[in-house]
Amino acid sequence: MIKISIEVKSGTARFDVAAQAESIEEALEIAKGYNSGKECKVVFPIDPEVFFVEDGLSRGGVVVKIAA
């Protein structure tokens, strides 16, 4: 499992979410699913210290807002 930050934009509003999934592509698709109609893109650089996560209680799909 991996965890990445994804920037979500809608007009002038912008915030970051953390998404956990099996791959970067899957994490991005999950974020897009939760934020329909908004632009979503991976935040680079990816933090190597939090990129790999243990397969915990969920099998991906975790999306948490991390910044306003």
PDB file of N, CA and C in Angstrom:
ATOM      1  N   MET A   1       0.838  -1.173   0.000  1.00  0.00           N
ATOM      2  CA  MET A   1       0.000   0.000   0.000  1.00  0.00           C
ATOM      3  C   MET A   1       0.890   1.246   0.000  1.00  0.00           C
ATOM      4  N   ILE A   2       0.372   2.277  -0.649  1.00  0.00           N
ATOM      5  CA  ILE A   2       1.078   3.560  -0.675  1.00  0.00           C
ATOM      6  C   ILE A   2       0.125   4.662  -0.217  1.00  0.00           C
ATOM      7  N   LYS A   3       0.695   5.774   0.201  1.00  0.00           N
ATOM      8  CA  LYS A   3      -0.104   6.943   0.573  1.00  0.00           C
ATOM      9  C   LYS A   3       0.546   8.160  -0.065  1.00  0.00           C
ATOM     10  N   ILE A   4      -0.272   8.956  -0.764  1.00  0.00           N
ATOM     11  CA  ILE A   4       0.243  10.153  -1.420  1.00  0.00           C
ATOM     12  C   ILE A   4      -0.684  11.330  -1.153  1.00  0.00           C
ATOM     13  N   SER A   5      -0.153  12.525  -1.381  1.00  0.00           N
ATOM     14  CA  SER A   5      -0.953  13.751  -1.303  1.00  0.00           C
ATOM     15  C   SER A   5      -1.448  14.085  -2.699  1.00  0.00           C
ATOM     16  N   ILE A   6      -2.703  14.520  -2.754  1.00  0.00           N
ATOM     17  CA  ILE A   6      -3.321  14.904  -4.016  1.00  0.00           C
ATOM     18  C   ILE A   6      -3.947  16.279  -3.839  1.00  0.00           C
ATOM     19  N   GLU A   7      -3.619  17.181  -4.759  1.00  0.00           N
ATOM     20  CA  GLU A   7      -4.194  18.525  -4.736  1.00  0.00           C
ATOM     21  C   GLU A   7      -5.528  18.496  -5.480  1.00  0.00           C
ATOM     22  N   VAL A   8      -6.562  19.050  -4.836  1.00  0.00           N
ATOM     23  CA  VAL A   8      -7.895  19.122  -5.428  1.00  0.00           C
ATOM     24  C   VAL A   8      -8.219  20.592  -5.653  1.00  0.00           C
ATOM     25  N   LYS A   9      -8.603  20.941  -6.904  1.00  0.00           N
ATOM     26  CA  LYS A   9      -8.920  22.331  -7.232  1.00  0.00           C
ATOM     27  C   LYS A   9     -10.305  22.413  -7.874  1.00  0.00           C
ATOM     28  N   SER A  10     -11.013  23.460  -7.473  1.00  0.00           N
ATOM     29  CA  SER A  10     -12.301  23.784  -8.076  1.00  0.00           C
ATOM     30  C   SER A  10     -12.390  25.302  -8.117  1.00  0.00           C
ATOM     31  N   GLY A  11     -12.189  25.872  -9.305  1.00  0.00           N
ATOM     32  CA  GLY A  11     -12.144  27.329  -9.412  1.00  0.00           C
ATOM     33  C   GLY A  11     -10.948  27.865  -8.644  1.00  0.00           C
ATOM     34  N   THR A  12     -11.216  28.775  -7.697  1.00  0.00           N
ATOM     35  CA  THR A  12     -10.130  29.328  -6.887  1.00  0.00           C
ATOM     36  C   THR A  12      -9.911  28.548  -5.594  1.00  0.00           C
ATOM     37  N   ALA A  13     -10.837  27.654  -5.251  1.00  0.00           N
ATOM     38  CA  ALA A  13     -10.687  26.833  -4.044  1.00  0.00           C
ATOM     39  C   ALA A  13      -9.683  25.721  -4.313  1.00  0.00           C
ATOM     40  N   ARG A  14      -8.834  25.459  -3.311  1.00  0.00           N
ATOM     41  CA  ARG A  14      -7.813  24.426  -3.451  1.00  0.00           C
ATOM     42  C   ARG A  14      -7.521  23.819  -2.081  1.00  0.00           C
ATOM     43  N   PHE A  15      -7.394  22.494  -2.035  1.00  0.00           N
ATOM     44  CA  PHE A  15      -7.008  21.811  -0.805  1.00  0.00           C
ATOM     45  C   PHE A  15      -6.309  20.511  -1.169  1.00  0.00           C
ATOM     46  N   ASP A  16      -5.596  19.933  -0.201  1.00  0.00           N
ATOM     47  CA  ASP A  16      -4.889  18.672  -0.405  1.00  0.00           C
ATOM     48  C   ASP A  16      -5.598  17.563   0.358  1.00  0.00           C
ATOM     49  N   VAL A  17      -5.563  16.366  -0.203  1.00  0.00           N
ATOM     50  CA  VAL A  17      -6.063  15.182   0.481  1.00  0.00           C
ATOM     51  C   VAL A  17      -4.964  14.137   0.471  1.00  0.00           C
ATOM     52  N   ALA A  18      -5.002  13.227   1.434  1.00  0.00           N
ATOM     53  CA  ALA A  18      -4.112  12.074   1.448  1.00  0.00           C
ATOM     54  C   ALA A  18      -4.929  10.878   0.995  1.00  0.00           C
ATOM     55  N   ALA A  19      -4.413  10.126   0.037  1.00  0.00           N
ATOM     56  CA  ALA A  19      -5.120   8.956  -0.470  1.00  0.00           C
ATOM     57  C   ALA A  19      -4.220   7.734  -0.322  1.00  0.00           C
ATOM     58  N   GLN A  20      -4.822   6.634   0.110  1.00  0.00           N
ATOM     59  CA  GLN A  20      -4.096   5.383   0.310  1.00  0.00           C
ATOM     60  C   GLN A  20      -4.668   4.345  -0.641  1.00  0.00           C
ATOM     61  N   ALA A  21      -3.790   3.643  -1.370  1.00  0.00           N
ATOM     62  CA  ALA A  21      -4.236   2.648  -2.339  1.00  0.00           C
ATOM     63  C   ALA A  21      -3.085   1.718  -2.695  1.00  0.00           C
ATOM     64  N   GLU A  22      -3.345   0.824  -3.639  1.00  0.00           N
ATOM     65  CA  GLU A  22      -2.325  -0.118  -4.100  1.00  0.00           C
ATOM     66  C   GLU A  22      -1.323   0.533  -5.051  1.00  0.00           C
ATOM     67  N   SER A  23      -1.710   1.632  -5.722  1.00  0.00           N
ATOM     68  CA  SER A  23      -0.819   2.303  -6.681  1.00  0.00           C
ATOM     69  C   SER A  23      -1.135   3.790  -6.706  1.00  0.00           C
ATOM     70  N   ILE A  24      -0.237   4.561  -7.304  1.00  0.00           N
ATOM     71  CA  ILE A  24      -0.460   5.999  -7.449  1.00  0.00           C
ATOM     72  C   ILE A  24      -1.683   6.251  -8.315  1.00  0.00           C
ATOM     73  N   GLU A  25      -1.808   5.518  -9.423  1.00  0.00           N
ATOM     74  CA  GLU A  25      -2.965   5.693 -10.307  1.00  0.00           C
ATOM     75  C   GLU A  25      -4.275   5.410  -9.583  1.00  0.00           C
ATOM     76  N   GLU A  26      -4.303   4.346  -8.781  1.00  0.00           N
ATOM     77  CA  GLU A  26      -5.516   4.006  -8.046  1.00  0.00           C
ATOM     78  C   GLU A  26      -5.839   5.078  -7.007  1.00  0.00           C
ATOM     79  N   ALA A  27      -4.826   5.593  -6.319  1.00  0.00           N
ATOM     80  CA  ALA A  27      -5.047   6.655  -5.329  1.00  0.00           C
ATOM     81  C   ALA A  27      -5.641   7.898  -5.997  1.00  0.00           C
ATOM     82  N   LEU A  28      -5.121   8.244  -7.173  1.00  0.00           N
ATOM     83  CA  LEU A  28      -5.631   9.396  -7.906  1.00  0.00           C
ATOM     84  C   LEU A  28      -7.080   9.165  -8.334  1.00  0.00           C
ATOM     85  N   GLU A  29      -7.404   7.976  -8.811  1.00  0.00           N
ATOM     86  CA  GLU A  29      -8.778   7.663  -9.216  1.00  0.00           C
ATOM     87  C   GLU A  29      -9.737   7.709  -8.026  1.00  0.00           C
ATOM     88  N   ILE A  30      -9.282   7.232  -6.875  1.00  0.00           N
ATOM     89  CA  ILE A  30     -10.111   7.282  -5.665  1.00  0.00           C
ATOM     90  C   ILE A  30     -10.393   8.726  -5.279  1.00  0.00           C
ATOM     91  N   ALA A  31      -9.358   9.571  -5.308  1.00  0.00           N
ATOM     92  CA  ALA A  31      -9.539  10.992  -4.980  1.00  0.00           C
ATOM     93  C   ALA A  31     -10.511  11.647  -5.957  1.00  0.00           C
ATOM     94  N   LYS A  32     -10.385  11.325  -7.243  1.00  0.00           N
ATOM     95  CA  LYS A  32     -11.307  11.870  -8.249  1.00  0.00           C
ATOM     96  C   LYS A  32     -12.735  11.415  -7.975  1.00  0.00           C
ATOM     97  N   GLY A  33     -12.899  10.186  -7.517  1.00  0.00           N
ATOM     98  CA  GLY A  33     -14.229   9.672  -7.201  1.00  0.00           C
ATOM     99  C   GLY A  33     -14.883  10.417  -6.053  1.00  0.00           C
ATOM    100  N   TYR A  34     -14.091  10.782  -5.055  1.00  0.00           N
ATOM    101  CA  TYR A  34     -14.608  11.535  -3.910  1.00  0.00           C
ATOM    102  C   TYR A  34     -14.804  13.012  -4.237  1.00  0.00           C
ATOM    103  N   ASN A  35     -14.151  13.499  -5.281  1.00  0.00           N
ATOM    104  CA  ASN A  35     -14.190  14.923  -5.632  1.00  0.00           C
ATOM    105  C   ASN A  35     -14.619  15.090  -7.081  1.00  0.00           C
ATOM    106  N   SER A  36     -15.765  14.540  -7.396  1.00  0.00           N
ATOM    107  CA  SER A  36     -16.294  14.554  -8.756  1.00  0.00           C
ATOM    108  C   SER A  36     -16.385  15.977  -9.305  1.00  0.00           C
ATOM    109  N   GLY A  37     -15.909  16.145 -10.537  1.00  0.00           N
ATOM    110  CA  GLY A  37     -15.983  17.443 -11.190  1.00  0.00           C
ATOM    111  C   GLY A  37     -14.866  18.406 -10.821  1.00  0.00           C
ATOM    112  N   LYS A  38     -13.970  17.991  -9.952  1.00  0.00           N
ATOM    113  CA  LYS A  38     -12.851  18.841  -9.545  1.00  0.00           C
ATOM    114  C   LYS A  38     -11.560  18.309 -10.155  1.00  0.00           C
ATOM    115  N   GLU A  39     -10.592  19.199 -10.361  1.00  0.00           N
ATOM    116  CA  GLU A  39      -9.288  18.802 -10.890  1.00  0.00           C
ATOM    117  C   GLU A  39      -8.460  18.191  -9.766  1.00  0.00           C
ATOM    118  N   CYS A  40      -7.912  17.008  -9.987  1.00  0.00           N
ATOM    119  CA  CYS A  40      -7.080  16.327  -9.001  1.00  0.00           C
ATOM    120  C   CYS A  40      -5.735  15.996  -9.626  1.00  0.00           C
ATOM    121  N   LYS A  41      -4.655  16.301  -8.886  1.00  0.00           N
ATOM    122  CA  LYS A  41      -3.328  15.948  -9.387  1.00  0.00           C
ATOM    123  C   LYS A  41      -2.424  15.577  -8.220  1.00  0.00           C
ATOM    124  N   VAL A  42      -1.473  14.696  -8.490  1.00  0.00           N
ATOM    125  CA  VAL A  42      -0.532  14.231  -7.483  1.00  0.00           C
ATOM    126  C   VAL A  42       0.400  15.376  -7.100  1.00  0.00           C
ATOM    127  N   VAL A  43       0.645  15.515  -5.799  1.00  0.00           N
ATOM    128  CA  VAL A  43       1.560  16.537  -5.302  1.00  0.00           C
ATOM    129  C   VAL A  43       2.974  15.964  -5.313  1.00  0.00           C
ATOM    130  N   PHE A  44       3.865  16.662  -6.000  1.00  0.00           N
ATOM    131  CA  PHE A  44       5.273  16.272  -6.044  1.00  0.00           C
ATOM    132  C   PHE A  44       6.095  17.310  -5.320  1.00  0.00           C
ATOM    133  N   PRO A  45       7.191  16.969  -4.686  1.00  0.00           N
ATOM    134  CA  PRO A  45       7.757  15.625  -4.615  1.00  0.00           C
ATOM    135  C   PRO A  45       6.969  14.764  -3.633  1.00  0.00           C
ATOM    136  N   ILE A  46       6.978  13.462  -3.868  1.00  0.00           N
ATOM    137  CA  ILE A  46       6.333  12.509  -2.970  1.00  0.00           C
ATOM    138  C   ILE A  46       7.263  12.289  -1.786  1.00  0.00           C
ATOM    139  N   ASP A  47       6.711  12.379  -0.582  1.00  0.00           N
ATOM    140  CA  ASP A  47       7.497  12.209   0.641  1.00  0.00           C
ATOM    141  C   ASP A  47       7.857  10.731   0.815  1.00  0.00           C
ATOM    142  N   PRO A  48       9.129  10.365   0.679  1.00  0.00           N
ATOM    143  CA  PRO A  48       9.507   8.948   0.760  1.00  0.00           C
ATOM    144  C   PRO A  48       9.303   8.340   2.148  1.00  0.00           C
ATOM    145  N   GLU A  49       9.252   9.177   3.186  1.00  0.00           N
ATOM    146  CA  GLU A  49       9.095   8.662   4.548  1.00  0.00           C
ATOM    147  C   GLU A  49       7.682   8.172   4.832  1.00  0.00           C
ATOM    148  N   VAL A  50       6.694   8.629   4.069  1.00  0.00           N
ATOM    149  CA  VAL A  50       5.304   8.201   4.296  1.00  0.00           C
ATOM    150  C   VAL A  50       4.692   7.536   3.070  1.00  0.00           C
ATOM    151  N   PHE A  51       5.486   7.320   2.016  1.00  0.00           N
ATOM    152  CA  PHE A  51       4.961   6.746   0.775  1.00  0.00           C
ATOM    153  C   PHE A  51       4.442   5.325   0.981  1.00  0.00           C
ATOM    154  N   PHE A  52       5.251   4.455   1.577  1.00  0.00           N
ATOM    155  CA  PHE A  52       4.815   3.079   1.812  1.00  0.00           C
ATOM    156  C   PHE A  52       4.171   2.969   3.182  1.00  0.00           C
ATOM    157  N   VAL A  53       2.971   2.386   3.225  1.00  0.00           N
ATOM    158  CA  VAL A  53       2.253   2.203   4.483  1.00  0.00           C
ATOM    159  C   VAL A  53       1.864   0.737   4.609  1.00  0.00           C
ATOM    160  N   GLU A  54       1.703   0.302   5.839  1.00  0.00           N
ATOM    161  CA  GLU A  54       1.272  -1.074   6.065  1.00  0.00           C
ATOM    162  C   GLU A  54      -0.176  -1.224   5.643  1.00  0.00           C
ATOM    163  N   ASP A  55      -0.527  -2.415   5.206  1.00  0.00           N
ATOM    164  CA  ASP A  55      -1.899  -2.717   4.821  1.00  0.00           C
ATOM    165  C   ASP A  55      -2.706  -2.866   6.098  1.00  0.00           C
ATOM    166  N   GLY A  56      -3.335  -1.776   6.506  1.00  0.00           N
ATOM    167  CA  GLY A  56      -4.049  -1.754   7.772  1.00  0.00           C
ATOM    168  C   GLY A  56      -5.486  -2.227   7.663  1.00  0.00           C
ATOM    169  N   LEU A  57      -6.380  -1.522   8.305  1.00  0.00           N
ATOM    170  CA  LEU A  57      -7.780  -1.920   8.376  1.00  0.00           C
ATOM    171  C   LEU A  57      -8.496  -1.841   7.035  1.00  0.00           C
ATOM    172  N   SER A  58      -8.053  -0.954   6.157  1.00  0.00           N
ATOM    173  CA  SER A  58      -8.744  -0.808   4.873  1.00  0.00           C
ATOM    174  C   SER A  58      -7.850  -1.281   3.737  1.00  0.00           C
ATOM    175  N   ARG A  59      -8.454  -1.571   2.618  1.00  0.00           N
ATOM    176  CA  ARG A  59      -7.708  -2.005   1.432  1.00  0.00           C
ATOM    177  C   ARG A  59      -7.631  -0.870   0.422  1.00  0.00           C
ATOM    178  N   GLY A  60      -7.433   0.326   0.874  1.00  0.00           N
ATOM    179  CA  GLY A  60      -7.358   1.481  -0.021  1.00  0.00           C
ATOM    180  C   GLY A  60      -8.617   2.291   0.051  1.00  0.00           C
ATOM    181  N   GLY A  61      -8.595   3.388  -0.648  1.00  0.00           N
ATOM    182  CA  GLY A  61      -9.758   4.249  -0.675  1.00  0.00           C
ATOM    183  C   GLY A  61      -9.798   5.256   0.450  1.00  0.00           C
ATOM    184  N   VAL A  62      -8.791   5.282   1.275  1.00  0.00           N
ATOM    185  CA  VAL A  62      -8.758   6.232   2.365  1.00  0.00           C
ATOM    186  C   VAL A  62      -8.439   7.603   1.793  1.00  0.00           C
ATOM    187  N   VAL A  63      -9.321   8.557   2.002  1.00  0.00           N
ATOM    188  CA  VAL A  63      -9.078   9.917   1.548  1.00  0.00           C
ATOM    189  C   VAL A  63      -9.339  10.841   2.724  1.00  0.00           C
ATOM    190  N   VAL A  64      -8.318  11.596   3.094  1.00  0.00           N
ATOM    191  CA  VAL A  64      -8.412  12.491   4.242  1.00  0.00           C
ATOM    192  C   VAL A  64      -7.951  13.871   3.817  1.00  0.00           C
ATOM    193  N   LYS A  65      -8.760  14.913   4.105  1.00  0.00           N
ATOM    194  CA  LYS A  65      -8.352  16.276   3.808  1.00  0.00           C
ATOM    195  C   LYS A  65      -7.213  16.645   4.743  1.00  0.00           C
ATOM    196  N   ILE A  66      -6.093  17.165   4.158  1.00  0.00           N
ATOM    197  CA  ILE A  66      -4.929  17.470   4.993  1.00  0.00           C
ATOM    198  C   ILE A  66      -4.556  18.949   5.005  1.00  0.00           C
ATOM    199  N   ALA A  67      -5.168  19.770   4.174  1.00  0.00           N
ATOM    200  CA  ALA A  67      -4.842  21.194   4.174  1.00  0.00           C
ATOM    201  C   ALA A  67      -6.001  21.976   3.572  1.00  0.00           C
ATOM    202  N   ALA A  68      -6.151  23.216   4.031  1.00  0.00           N
ATOM    203  CA  ALA A  68      -7.233  24.062   3.505  1.00  0.00           C
ATOM    204  C   ALA A  68      -6.687  25.092   2.559  1.00  0.00           C
TER     205      ALA A  68
END
